[in-house]
């Protein structure tokens, strides 16, 4: 999602169809992930 600058729905549909039931939950997870990194003064790759 980050490297292609495409929305979760499109990425899941094209490359991870077995995860197609979870776009909203993945958004929640990624939002929490971004906040946790900010709190811990961390950036990922």
ModelCIF file with pLDDT and N, C-alpha, C, O atoms, coordinates in Angstrom:
data_MODEL
#
_entry.id   MODEL 
#
_entity.id                         1 
_entity.type                       polymer 
_entity.pdbx_number_of_molecules   1 
#
_entity_poly.entity_id                      1 
_entity_poly.type                           'polypeptide(L)' 
_entity_poly.nstd_linkage                   no 
_entity_poly.nstd_monomer                   no 
_entity_poly.pdbx_seq_one_letter_code       
;(UNK)(UNK)(UNK)(UNK)(UNK)(UNK)(UNK)(UNK)(UNK)(UNK)(UNK)(UNK)(UNK)(UNK)(UNK)(UNK)
(UNK)(UNK)(UNK)(UNK)(UNK)(UNK)(UNK)(UNK)(UNK)(UNK)(UNK)(UNK)(UNK)(UNK)(UNK)(UNK)
(UNK)(UNK)(UNK)(UNK)(UNK)(UNK)(UNK)(UNK)(UNK)(UNK)(UNK)(UNK)(UNK)
;
_entity_poly.pdbx_seq_one_letter_code_can   XXXXXXXXXXXXXXXXXXXXXXXXXXXXXXXXXXXXXXXXXXXXX 
_entity_poly.pdbx_strand_id                 A 
#
loop_
_entity_poly_seq.entity_id 
_entity_poly_seq.num 
_entity_poly_seq.mon_id 
_entity_poly_seq.hetero 
1 1  UNK n 
1 2  UNK n 
1 3  UNK n 
1 4  UNK n 
1 5  UNK n 
1 6  UNK n 
1 7  UNK n 
1 8  UNK n 
1 9  UNK n 
1 10 UNK n 
1 11 UNK n 
1 12 UNK n 
1 13 UNK n 
1 14 UNK n 
1 15 UNK n 
1 16 UNK n 
1 17 UNK n 
1 18 UNK n 
1 19 UNK n 
1 20 UNK n 
1 21 UNK n 
1 22 UNK n 
1 23 UNK n 
1 24 UNK n 
1 25 UNK n 
1 26 UNK n 
1 27 UNK n 
1 28 UNK n 
1 29 UNK n 
1 30 UNK n 
1 31 UNK n 
1 32 UNK n 
1 33 UNK n 
1 34 UNK n 
1 35 UNK n 
1 36 UNK n 
1 37 UNK n 
1 38 UNK n 
1 39 UNK n 
1 40 UNK n 
1 41 UNK n 
1 42 UNK n 
1 43 UNK n 
1 44 UNK n 
1 45 UNK n 
#
_struct_asym.id          A 
_struct_asym.entity_id   1 
#
loop_
_ma_qa_metric.id 
_ma_qa_metric.mode 
_ma_qa_metric.name 
_ma_qa_metric.software_group_id 
_ma_qa_metric.type 
1 global pLDDT . pLDDT 
2 local  pLDDT . pLDDT 
#
_ma_qa_metric_global.metric_id      1 
_ma_qa_metric_global.metric_value   93.02 
_ma_qa_metric_global.model_id       1 
_ma_qa_metric_global.ordinal_id     1 
#
loop_
_ma_qa_metric_local.label_asym_id 
_ma_qa_metric_local.label_comp_id 
_ma_qa_metric_local.label_seq_id 
_ma_qa_metric_local.metric_id 
_ma_qa_metric_local.metric_value 
_ma_qa_metric_local.model_id 
_ma_qa_metric_local.ordinal_id 
A UNK 1  2 95.00 1 1  
A UNK 2  2 95.00 1 2  
A UNK 3  2 94.00 1 3  
A UNK 4  2 93.00 1 4  
A UNK 5  2 94.00 1 5  
A UNK 6  2 93.00 1 6  
A UNK 7  2 94.00 1 7  
A UNK 8  2 95.00 1 8  
A UNK 9  2 94.00 1 9  
A UNK 10 2 93.00 1 10 
A UNK 11 2 94.00 1 11 
A UNK 12 2 93.00 1 12 
A UNK 13 2 91.00 1 13 
A UNK 14 2 88.00 1 14 
A UNK 15 2 89.00 1 15 
A UNK 16 2 90.00 1 16 
A UNK 17 2 88.00 1 17 
A UNK 18 2 86.00 1 18 
A UNK 19 2 90.00 1 19 
A UNK 20 2 89.00 1 20 
A UNK 21 2 89.00 1 21 
A UNK 22 2 92.00 1 22 
A UNK 23 2 92.00 1 23 
A UNK 24 2 94.00 1 24 
A UNK 25 2 94.00 1 25 
A UNK 26 2 95.00 1 26 
A UNK 27 2 95.00 1 27 
A UNK 28 2 95.00 1 28 
A UNK 29 2 96.00 1 29 
A UNK 30 2 96.00 1 30 
A UNK 31 2 96.00 1 31 
A UNK 32 2 96.00 1 32 
A UNK 33 2 96.00 1 33 
A UNK 34 2 95.00 1 34 
A UNK 35 2 95.00 1 35 
A UNK 36 2 95.00 1 36 
A UNK 37 2 94.00 1 37 
A UNK 38 2 93.00 1 38 
A UNK 39 2 92.00 1 39 
A UNK 40 2 92.00 1 40 
A UNK 41 2 92.00 1 41 
A UNK 42 2 93.00 1 42 
A UNK 43 2 95.00 1 43 
A UNK 44 2 94.00 1 44 
A UNK 45 2 92.00 1 45 
#
loop_
_atom_site.group_PDB 
_atom_site.id 
_atom_site.type_symbol 
_atom_site.label_atom_id 
_atom_site.label_alt_id 
_atom_site.label_comp_id 
_atom_site.label_asym_id 
_atom_site.label_entity_id 
_atom_site.label_seq_id 
_atom_site.pdbx_PDB_ins_code 
_atom_site.Cartn_x 
_atom_site.Cartn_y 
_atom_site.Cartn_z 
_atom_site.occupancy 
_atom_site.B_iso_or_equiv 
_atom_site.pdbx_formal_charge 
_atom_site.auth_seq_id 
_atom_site.auth_comp_id 
_atom_site.auth_asym_id 
_atom_site.auth_atom_id 
_atom_site.pdbx_PDB_model_num 
ATOM 1   N N  . UNK A 1 1  ? 0.838   -1.211  0.000  1.00 95.00 ? 1  UNK A N  1 
ATOM 2   C CA . UNK A 1 1  ? 0.000   0.000   0.000  1.00 95.00 ? 1  UNK A CA 1 
ATOM 3   C C  . UNK A 1 1  ? 0.868   1.255   0.000  1.00 95.00 ? 1  UNK A C  1 
ATOM 4   O O  . UNK A 1 1  ? 0.628   2.193   -0.761 1.00 95.00 ? 1  UNK A O  1 
ATOM 5   N N  . UNK A 1 2  ? 1.879   1.256   0.864  1.00 95.00 ? 2  UNK A N  1 
ATOM 6   C CA . UNK A 1 2  ? 2.746   2.430   0.989  1.00 95.00 ? 2  UNK A CA 1 
ATOM 7   C C  . UNK A 1 2  ? 3.566   2.644   -0.273 1.00 95.00 ? 2  UNK A C  1 
ATOM 8   O O  . UNK A 1 2  ? 3.606   3.754   -0.803 1.00 95.00 ? 2  UNK A O  1 
ATOM 9   N N  . UNK A 1 3  ? 4.222   1.590   -0.764 1.00 94.00 ? 3  UNK A N  1 
ATOM 10  C CA . UNK A 1 3  ? 5.150   1.748   -1.881 1.00 94.00 ? 3  UNK A CA 1 
ATOM 11  C C  . UNK A 1 3  ? 4.474   1.955   -3.226 1.00 94.00 ? 3  UNK A C  1 
ATOM 12  O O  . UNK A 1 3  ? 5.051   2.572   -4.122 1.00 94.00 ? 3  UNK A O  1 
ATOM 13  N N  . UNK A 1 4  ? 3.265   1.450   -3.374 1.00 93.00 ? 4  UNK A N  1 
ATOM 14  C CA . UNK A 1 4  ? 2.539   1.651   -4.633 1.00 93.00 ? 4  UNK A CA 1 
ATOM 15  C C  . UNK A 1 4  ? 1.605   2.846   -4.574 1.00 93.00 ? 4  UNK A C  1 
ATOM 16  O O  . UNK A 1 4  ? 1.084   3.289   -5.597 1.00 93.00 ? 4  UNK A O  1 
ATOM 17  N N  . UNK A 1 5  ? 1.393   3.371   -3.360 1.00 94.00 ? 5  UNK A N  1 
ATOM 18  C CA . UNK A 1 5  ? 0.469   4.490   -3.146 1.00 94.00 ? 5  UNK A CA 1 
ATOM 19  C C  . UNK A 1 5  ? -0.928  4.163   -3.669 1.00 94.00 ? 5  UNK A C  1 
ATOM 20  O O  . UNK A 1 5  ? -1.573  4.979   -4.327 1.00 94.00 ? 5  UNK A O  1 
ATOM 21  N N  . UNK A 1 6  ? -1.374  2.951   -3.359 1.00 93.00 ? 6  UNK A N  1 
ATOM 22  C CA . UNK A 1 6  ? -2.706  2.503   -3.729 1.00 93.00 ? 6  UNK A CA 1 
ATOM 23  C C  . UNK A 1 6  ? -3.509  2.188   -2.469 1.00 93.00 ? 6  UNK A C  1 
ATOM 24  O O  . UNK A 1 6  ? -2.927  1.825   -1.446 1.00 93.00 ? 6  UNK A O  1 
ATOM 25  N N  . UNK A 1 7  ? -4.844  2.320   -2.525 1.00 94.00 ? 7  UNK A N  1 
ATOM 26  C CA . UNK A 1 7  ? -5.669  2.042   -1.340 1.00 94.00 ? 7  UNK A CA 1 
ATOM 27  C C  . UNK A 1 7  ? -5.686  0.558   -0.992 1.00 94.00 ? 7  UNK A C  1 
ATOM 28  O O  . UNK A 1 7  ? -5.428  -0.301  -1.835 1.00 94.00 ? 7  UNK A O  1 
ATOM 29  N N  . UNK A 1 8  ? -5.996  0.282   0.265  1.00 95.00 ? 8  UNK A N  1 
ATOM 30  C CA . UNK A 1 8  ? -6.020  -1.102  0.753  1.00 95.00 ? 8  UNK A CA 1 
ATOM 31  C C  . UNK A 1 8  ? -6.938  -1.976  -0.091 1.00 95.00 ? 8  UNK A C  1 
ATOM 32  O O  . UNK A 1 8  ? -6.581  -3.096  -0.457 1.00 95.00 ? 8  UNK A O  1 
ATOM 33  N N  . UNK A 1 9  ? -8.130  -1.455  -0.398 1.00 94.00 ? 9  UNK A N  1 
ATOM 34  C CA . UNK A 1 9  ? -9.119  -2.260  -1.134 1.00 94.00 ? 9  UNK A CA 1 
ATOM 35  C C  . UNK A 1 9  ? -8.547  -2.760  -2.463 1.00 94.00 ? 9  UNK A C  1 
ATOM 36  O O  . UNK A 1 9  ? -8.748  -3.913  -2.844 1.00 94.00 ? 9  UNK A O  1 
ATOM 37  N N  . UNK A 1 10 ? -7.837  -1.878  -3.154 1.00 93.00 ? 10 UNK A N  1 
ATOM 38  C CA . UNK A 1 10 ? -7.283  -2.248  -4.458 1.00 93.00 ? 10 UNK A CA 1 
ATOM 39  C C  . UNK A 1 10 ? -6.144  -3.253  -4.309 1.00 93.00 ? 10 UNK A C  1 
ATOM 40  O O  . UNK A 1 10 ? -6.042  -4.205  -5.082 1.00 93.00 ? 10 UNK A O  1 
ATOM 41  N N  . UNK A 1 11 ? -5.287  -3.033  -3.308 1.00 94.00 ? 11 UNK A N  1 
ATOM 42  C CA . UNK A 1 11 ? -4.149  -3.935  -3.084 1.00 94.00 ? 11 UNK A CA 1 
ATOM 43  C C  . UNK A 1 11 ? -4.636  -5.333  -2.713 1.00 94.00 ? 11 UNK A C  1 
ATOM 44  O O  . UNK A 1 11 ? -4.132  -6.332  -3.225 1.00 94.00 ? 11 UNK A O  1 
ATOM 45  N N  . UNK A 1 12 ? -5.621  -5.392  -1.818 1.00 93.00 ? 12 UNK A N  1 
ATOM 46  C CA . UNK A 1 12 ? -6.142  -6.695  -1.383 1.00 93.00 ? 12 UNK A CA 1 
ATOM 47  C C  . UNK A 1 12 ? -6.793  -7.420  -2.560 1.00 93.00 ? 12 UNK A C  1 
ATOM 48  O O  . UNK A 1 12 ? -6.600  -8.622  -2.740 1.00 93.00 ? 12 UNK A O  1 
ATOM 49  N N  . UNK A 1 13 ? -7.553  -6.694  -3.344 1.00 91.00 ? 13 UNK A N  1 
ATOM 50  C CA . UNK A 1 13 ? -8.252  -7.312  -4.477 1.00 91.00 ? 13 UNK A CA 1 
ATOM 51  C C  . UNK A 1 13 ? -7.261  -7.879  -5.493 1.00 91.00 ? 13 UNK A C  1 
ATOM 52  O O  . UNK A 1 13 ? -7.469  -8.977  -6.009 1.00 91.00 ? 13 UNK A O  1 
ATOM 53  N N  . UNK A 1 14 ? -6.182  -7.141  -5.787 1.00 88.00 ? 14 UNK A N  1 
ATOM 54  C CA . UNK A 1 14 ? -5.242  -7.552  -6.822 1.00 88.00 ? 14 UNK A CA 1 
ATOM 55  C C  . UNK A 1 14 ? -4.258  -8.622  -6.352 1.00 88.00 ? 14 UNK A C  1 
ATOM 56  O O  . UNK A 1 14 ? -3.949  -9.560  -7.086 1.00 88.00 ? 14 UNK A O  1 
ATOM 57  N N  . UNK A 1 15 ? -3.770  -8.470  -5.118 1.00 89.00 ? 15 UNK A N  1 
ATOM 58  C CA . UNK A 1 15 ? -2.635  -9.292  -4.689 1.00 89.00 ? 15 UNK A CA 1 
ATOM 59  C C  . UNK A 1 15 ? -2.910  -10.208 -3.499 1.00 89.00 ? 15 UNK A C  1 
ATOM 60  O O  . UNK A 1 15 ? -2.182  -11.178 -3.286 1.00 89.00 ? 15 UNK A O  1 
ATOM 61  N N  . UNK A 1 16 ? -3.961  -9.907  -2.716 1.00 90.00 ? 16 UNK A N  1 
ATOM 62  C CA . UNK A 1 16 ? -4.260  -10.718 -1.532 1.00 90.00 ? 16 UNK A CA 1 
ATOM 63  C C  . UNK A 1 16 ? -5.763  -11.029 -1.476 1.00 90.00 ? 16 UNK A C  1 
ATOM 64  O O  . UNK A 1 16 ? -6.427  -10.696 -0.494 1.00 90.00 ? 16 UNK A O  1 
ATOM 65  N N  . UNK A 1 17 ? -6.297  -11.664 -2.521 1.00 88.00 ? 17 UNK A N  1 
ATOM 66  C CA . UNK A 1 17 ? -7.750  -11.884 -2.559 1.00 88.00 ? 17 UNK A CA 1 
ATOM 67  C C  . UNK A 1 17 ? -8.275  -12.713 -1.388 1.00 88.00 ? 17 UNK A C  1 
ATOM 68  O O  . UNK A 1 17 ? -9.451  -12.613 -1.038 1.00 88.00 ? 17 UNK A O  1 
ATOM 69  N N  . UNK A 1 18 ? -7.410  -13.531 -0.780 1.00 86.00 ? 18 UNK A N  1 
ATOM 70  C CA . UNK A 1 18 ? -7.843  -14.339 0.366  1.00 86.00 ? 18 UNK A CA 1 
ATOM 71  C C  . UNK A 1 18 ? -8.064  -13.479 1.609  1.00 86.00 ? 18 UNK A C  1 
ATOM 72  O O  . UNK A 1 18 ? -8.580  -13.962 2.617  1.00 86.00 ? 18 UNK A O  1 
ATOM 73  N N  . UNK A 1 19 ? -7.672  -12.201 1.540  1.00 90.00 ? 19 UNK A N  1 
ATOM 74  C CA . UNK A 1 19 ? -7.866  -11.276 2.677  1.00 90.00 ? 19 UNK A CA 1 
ATOM 75  C C  . UNK A 1 19 ? -8.969  -10.261 2.388  1.00 90.00 ? 19 UNK A C  1 
ATOM 76  O O  . UNK A 1 19 ? -9.061  -9.232  3.059  1.00 90.00 ? 19 UNK A O  1 
ATOM 77  N N  . UNK A 1 20 ? -9.799  -10.548 1.397  1.00 89.00 ? 20 UNK A N  1 
ATOM 78  C CA . UNK A 1 20 ? -10.777 -9.561  0.928  1.00 89.00 ? 20 UNK A CA 1 
ATOM 79  C C  . UNK A 1 20 ? -11.868 -9.240  1.947  1.00 89.00 ? 20 UNK A C  1 
ATOM 80  O O  . UNK A 1 20 ? -12.598 -8.264  1.773  1.00 89.00 ? 20 UNK A O  1 
ATOM 81  N N  . UNK A 1 21 ? -11.995 -10.039 3.004  1.00 89.00 ? 21 UNK A N  1 
ATOM 82  C CA . UNK A 1 21 ? -13.032 -9.782  4.020  1.00 89.00 ? 21 UNK A CA 1 
ATOM 83  C C  . UNK A 1 21 ? -12.586 -8.781  5.090  1.00 89.00 ? 21 UNK A C  1 
ATOM 84  O O  . UNK A 1 21 ? -13.372 -8.436  5.972  1.00 89.00 ? 21 UNK A O  1 
ATOM 85  N N  . UNK A 1 22 ? -11.331 -8.311  5.023  1.00 92.00 ? 22 UNK A N  1 
ATOM 86  C CA . UNK A 1 22 ? -10.790 -7.575  6.161  1.00 92.00 ? 22 UNK A CA 1 
ATOM 87  C C  . UNK A 1 22 ? -10.286 -6.161  5.875  1.00 92.00 ? 22 UNK A C  1 
ATOM 88  O O  . UNK A 1 22 ? -9.449  -5.688  6.644  1.00 92.00 ? 22 UNK A O  1 
ATOM 89  N N  . UNK A 1 23 ? -10.715 -5.457  4.852  1.00 92.00 ? 23 UNK A N  1 
ATOM 90  C CA . UNK A 1 23 ? -10.126 -4.130  4.583  1.00 92.00 ? 23 UNK A CA 1 
ATOM 91  C C  . UNK A 1 23 ? -10.307 -3.128  5.715  1.00 92.00 ? 23 UNK A C  1 
ATOM 92  O O  . UNK A 1 23 ? -9.382  -2.374  6.016  1.00 92.00 ? 23 UNK A O  1 
ATOM 93  N N  . UNK A 1 24 ? -11.476 -3.103  6.350  1.00 94.00 ? 24 UNK A N  1 
ATOM 94  C CA . UNK A 1 24 ? -11.712 -2.136  7.424  1.00 94.00 ? 24 UNK A CA 1 
ATOM 95  C C  . UNK A 1 24 ? -10.860 -2.444  8.652  1.00 94.00 ? 24 UNK A C  1 
ATOM 96  O O  . UNK A 1 24 ? -10.317 -1.540  9.287  1.00 94.00 ? 24 UNK A O  1 
ATOM 97  N N  . UNK A 1 25 ? -10.750 -3.740  8.978  1.00 94.00 ? 25 UNK A N  1 
ATOM 98  C CA . UNK A 1 25 ? -9.925  -4.139  10.117 1.00 94.00 ? 25 UNK A CA 1 
ATOM 99  C C  . UNK A 1 25 ? -8.442  -3.846  9.841  1.00 94.00 ? 25 UNK A C  1 
ATOM 100 O O  . UNK A 1 25 ? -7.707  -3.444  10.743 1.00 94.00 ? 25 UNK A O  1 
ATOM 101 N N  . UNK A 1 26 ? -8.012  -4.048  8.596  1.00 95.00 ? 26 UNK A N  1 
ATOM 102 C CA . UNK A 1 26 ? -6.626  -3.751  8.235  1.00 95.00 ? 26 UNK A CA 1 
ATOM 103 C C  . UNK A 1 26 ? -6.342  -2.255  8.357  1.00 95.00 ? 26 UNK A C  1 
ATOM 104 O O  . UNK A 1 26 ? -5.255  -1.857  8.777  1.00 95.00 ? 26 UNK A O  1 
ATOM 105 N N  . UNK A 1 27 ? -7.320  -1.430  7.988  1.00 95.00 ? 27 UNK A N  1 
ATOM 106 C CA . UNK A 1 27 ? -7.156  0.020   8.159  1.00 95.00 ? 27 UNK A CA 1 
ATOM 107 C C  . UNK A 1 27 ? -6.972  0.362   9.633  1.00 95.00 ? 27 UNK A C  1 
ATOM 108 O O  . UNK A 1 27 ? -6.119  1.175   9.988  1.00 95.00 ? 27 UNK A O  1 
ATOM 109 N N  . UNK A 1 28 ? -7.781  -0.264  10.490 1.00 95.00 ? 28 UNK A N  1 
ATOM 110 C CA . UNK A 1 28 ? -7.641  -0.050  11.936 1.00 95.00 ? 28 UNK A CA 1 
ATOM 111 C C  . UNK A 1 28 ? -6.250  -0.454  12.415 1.00 95.00 ? 28 UNK A C  1 
ATOM 112 O O  . UNK A 1 28 ? -5.599  0.264   13.174 1.00 95.00 ? 28 UNK A O  1 
ATOM 113 N N  . UNK A 1 29 ? -5.818  -1.615  11.954 1.00 96.00 ? 29 UNK A N  1 
ATOM 114 C CA . UNK A 1 29 ? -4.512  -2.139  12.365 1.00 96.00 ? 29 UNK A CA 1 
ATOM 115 C C  . UNK A 1 29 ? -3.393  -1.203  11.918 1.00 96.00 ? 29 UNK A C  1 
ATOM 116 O O  . UNK A 1 29 ? -2.496  -0.888  12.700 1.00 96.00 ? 29 UNK A O  1 
ATOM 117 N N  . UNK A 1 30 ? -3.442  -0.760  10.669 1.00 96.00 ? 30 UNK A N  1 
ATOM 118 C CA . UNK A 1 30 ? -2.383  0.092   10.142 1.00 96.00 ? 30 UNK A CA 1 
ATOM 119 C C  . UNK A 1 30 ? -2.388  1.468   10.805 1.00 96.00 ? 30 UNK A C  1 
ATOM 120 O O  . UNK A 1 30 ? -1.334  2.080   10.980 1.00 96.00 ? 30 UNK A O  1 
ATOM 121 N N  . UNK A 1 31 ? -3.568  1.951   11.172 1.00 96.00 ? 31 UNK A N  1 
ATOM 122 C CA . UNK A 1 31 ? -3.664  3.221   11.890 1.00 96.00 ? 31 UNK A CA 1 
ATOM 123 C C  . UNK A 1 31 ? -2.995  3.096   13.265 1.00 96.00 ? 31 UNK A C  1 
ATOM 124 O O  . UNK A 1 31 ? -2.236  3.974   13.676 1.00 96.00 ? 31 UNK A O  1 
ATOM 125 N N  . UNK A 1 32 ? -3.285  2.002   13.963 1.00 96.00 ? 32 UNK A N  1 
ATOM 126 C CA . UNK A 1 32 ? -2.668  1.767   15.275 1.00 96.00 ? 32 UNK A CA 1 
ATOM 127 C C  . UNK A 1 32 ? -1.156  1.583   15.135 1.00 96.00 ? 32 UNK A C  1 
ATOM 128 O O  . UNK A 1 32 ? -0.386  2.025   15.987 1.00 96.00 ? 32 UNK A O  1 
ATOM 129 N N  . UNK A 1 33 ? -0.750  0.935   14.068 1.00 96.00 ? 33 UNK A N  1 
ATOM 130 C CA . UNK A 1 33 ? 0.677   0.702   13.788 1.00 96.00 ? 33 UNK A CA 1 
ATOM 131 C C  . UNK A 1 33 ? 1.404   2.037   13.592 1.00 96.00 ? 33 UNK A C  1 
ATOM 132 O O  . UNK A 1 33 ? 2.485   2.250   14.140 1.00 96.00 ? 33 UNK A O  1 
ATOM 133 N N  . UNK A 1 34 ? 0.800   2.926   12.809 1.00 95.00 ? 34 UNK A N  1 
ATOM 134 C CA . UNK A 1 34 ? 1.408   4.240   12.566 1.00 95.00 ? 34 UNK A CA 1 
ATOM 135 C C  . UNK A 1 34 ? 1.523   5.036   13.866 1.00 95.00 ? 34 UNK A C  1 
ATOM 136 O O  . UNK A 1 34 ? 2.544   5.678   14.117 1.00 95.00 ? 34 UNK A O  1 
ATOM 137 N N  . UNK A 1 35 ? 0.478   4.993   14.689 1.00 95.00 ? 35 UNK A N  1 
ATOM 138 C CA . UNK A 1 35 ? 0.500   5.738   15.956 1.00 95.00 ? 35 UNK A CA 1 
ATOM 139 C C  . UNK A 1 35 ? 1.544   5.175   16.911 1.00 95.00 ? 35 UNK A C  1 
ATOM 140 O O  . UNK A 1 35 ? 2.251   5.931   17.577 1.00 95.00 ? 35 UNK A O  1 
ATOM 141 N N  . UNK A 1 36 ? 1.644   3.853   16.978 1.00 95.00 ? 36 UNK A N  1 
ATOM 142 C CA . UNK A 1 36 ? 2.612   3.223   17.874 1.00 95.00 ? 36 UNK A CA 1 
ATOM 143 C C  . UNK A 1 36 ? 4.040   3.562   17.461 1.00 95.00 ? 36 UNK A C  1 
ATOM 144 O O  . UNK A 1 36 ? 4.888   3.829   18.312 1.00 95.00 ? 36 UNK A O  1 
ATOM 145 N N  . UNK A 1 37 ? 4.307   3.552   16.158 1.00 94.00 ? 37 UNK A N  1 
ATOM 146 C CA . UNK A 1 37 ? 5.650   3.928   15.685 1.00 94.00 ? 37 UNK A CA 1 
ATOM 147 C C  . UNK A 1 37 ? 5.972   5.362   16.075 1.00 94.00 ? 37 UNK A C  1 
ATOM 148 O O  . UNK A 1 37 ? 7.086   5.659   16.506 1.00 94.00 ? 37 UNK A O  1 
ATOM 149 N N  . UNK A 1 38 ? 4.994   6.252   15.922 1.00 93.00 ? 38 UNK A N  1 
ATOM 150 C CA . UNK A 1 38 ? 5.213   7.656   16.278 1.00 93.00 ? 38 UNK A CA 1 
ATOM 151 C C  . UNK A 1 38 ? 5.510   7.800   17.771 1.00 93.00 ? 38 UNK A C  1 
ATOM 152 O O  . UNK A 1 38 ? 6.386   8.568   18.170 1.00 93.00 ? 38 UNK A O  1 
ATOM 153 N N  . UNK A 1 39 ? 4.765   7.045   18.594 1.00 92.00 ? 39 UNK A N  1 
ATOM 154 C CA . UNK A 1 39 ? 4.973   7.112   20.049 1.00 92.00 ? 39 UNK A CA 1 
ATOM 155 C C  . UNK A 1 39 ? 6.349   6.590   20.444 1.00 92.00 ? 39 UNK A C  1 
ATOM 156 O O  . UNK A 1 39 ? 6.949   7.063   21.409 1.00 92.00 ? 39 UNK A O  1 
ATOM 157 N N  . UNK A 1 40 ? 6.844   5.608   19.689 1.00 92.00 ? 40 UNK A N  1 
ATOM 158 C CA . UNK A 1 40 ? 8.129   4.988   20.020 1.00 92.00 ? 40 UNK A CA 1 
ATOM 159 C C  . UNK A 1 40 ? 9.295   5.591   19.234 1.00 92.00 ? 40 UNK A C  1 
ATOM 160 O O  . UNK A 1 40 ? 10.396  5.041   19.219 1.00 92.00 ? 40 UNK A O  1 
ATOM 161 N N  . UNK A 1 41 ? 9.038   6.730   18.581 1.00 92.00 ? 41 UNK A N  1 
ATOM 162 C CA . UNK A 1 41 ? 10.073  7.423   17.796 1.00 92.00 ? 41 UNK A CA 1 
ATOM 163 C C  . UNK A 1 41 ? 10.733  6.468   16.800 1.00 92.00 ? 41 UNK A C  1 
ATOM 164 O O  . UNK A 1 41 ? 11.958  6.410   16.698 1.00 92.00 ? 41 UNK A O  1 
ATOM 165 N N  . UNK A 1 42 ? 9.912   5.732   16.078 1.00 93.00 ? 42 UNK A N  1 
ATOM 166 C CA . UNK A 1 42 ? 10.424  4.722   15.146 1.00 93.00 ? 42 UNK A CA 1 
ATOM 167 C C  . UNK A 1 42 ? 9.837   4.920   13.755 1.00 93.00 ? 42 UNK A C  1 
ATOM 168 O O  . UNK A 1 42 ? 8.689   5.335   13.602 1.00 93.00 ? 42 UNK A O  1 
ATOM 169 N N  . UNK A 1 43 ? 10.638  4.618   12.757 1.00 95.00 ? 43 UNK A N  1 
ATOM 170 C CA . UNK A 1 43 ? 10.182  4.542   11.371 1.00 95.00 ? 43 UNK A CA 1 
ATOM 171 C C  . UNK A 1 43 ? 10.528  3.157   10.853 1.00 95.00 ? 43 UNK A C  1 
ATOM 172 O O  . UNK A 1 43 ? 11.588  2.617   11.172 1.00 95.00 ? 43 UNK A O  1 
ATOM 173 N N  . UNK A 1 44 ? 9.638   2.580   10.053 1.00 94.00 ? 44 UNK A N  1 
ATOM 174 C CA . UNK A 1 44 ? 9.990   1.297   9.456  1.00 94.00 ? 44 UNK A CA 1 
ATOM 175 C C  . UNK A 1 44 ? 10.630  1.530   8.090  1.00 94.00 ? 44 UNK A C  1 
ATOM 176 O O  . UNK A 1 44 ? 10.792  2.667   7.647  1.00 94.00 ? 44 UNK A O  1 
ATOM 177 N N  . UNK A 1 45 ? 10.982  0.444   7.446  1.00 92.00 ? 45 UNK A N  1 
ATOM 178 C CA . UNK A 1 45 ? 11.684  0.475   6.163  1.00 92.00 ? 45 UNK A CA 1 
ATOM 179 C C  . UNK A 1 45 ? 10.920  1.309   5.130  1.00 92.00 ? 45 UNK A C  1 
ATOM 180 O O  . UNK A 1 45 ? 11.368  1.443   3.991  1.00 92.00 ? 45 UNK A O  1 
#
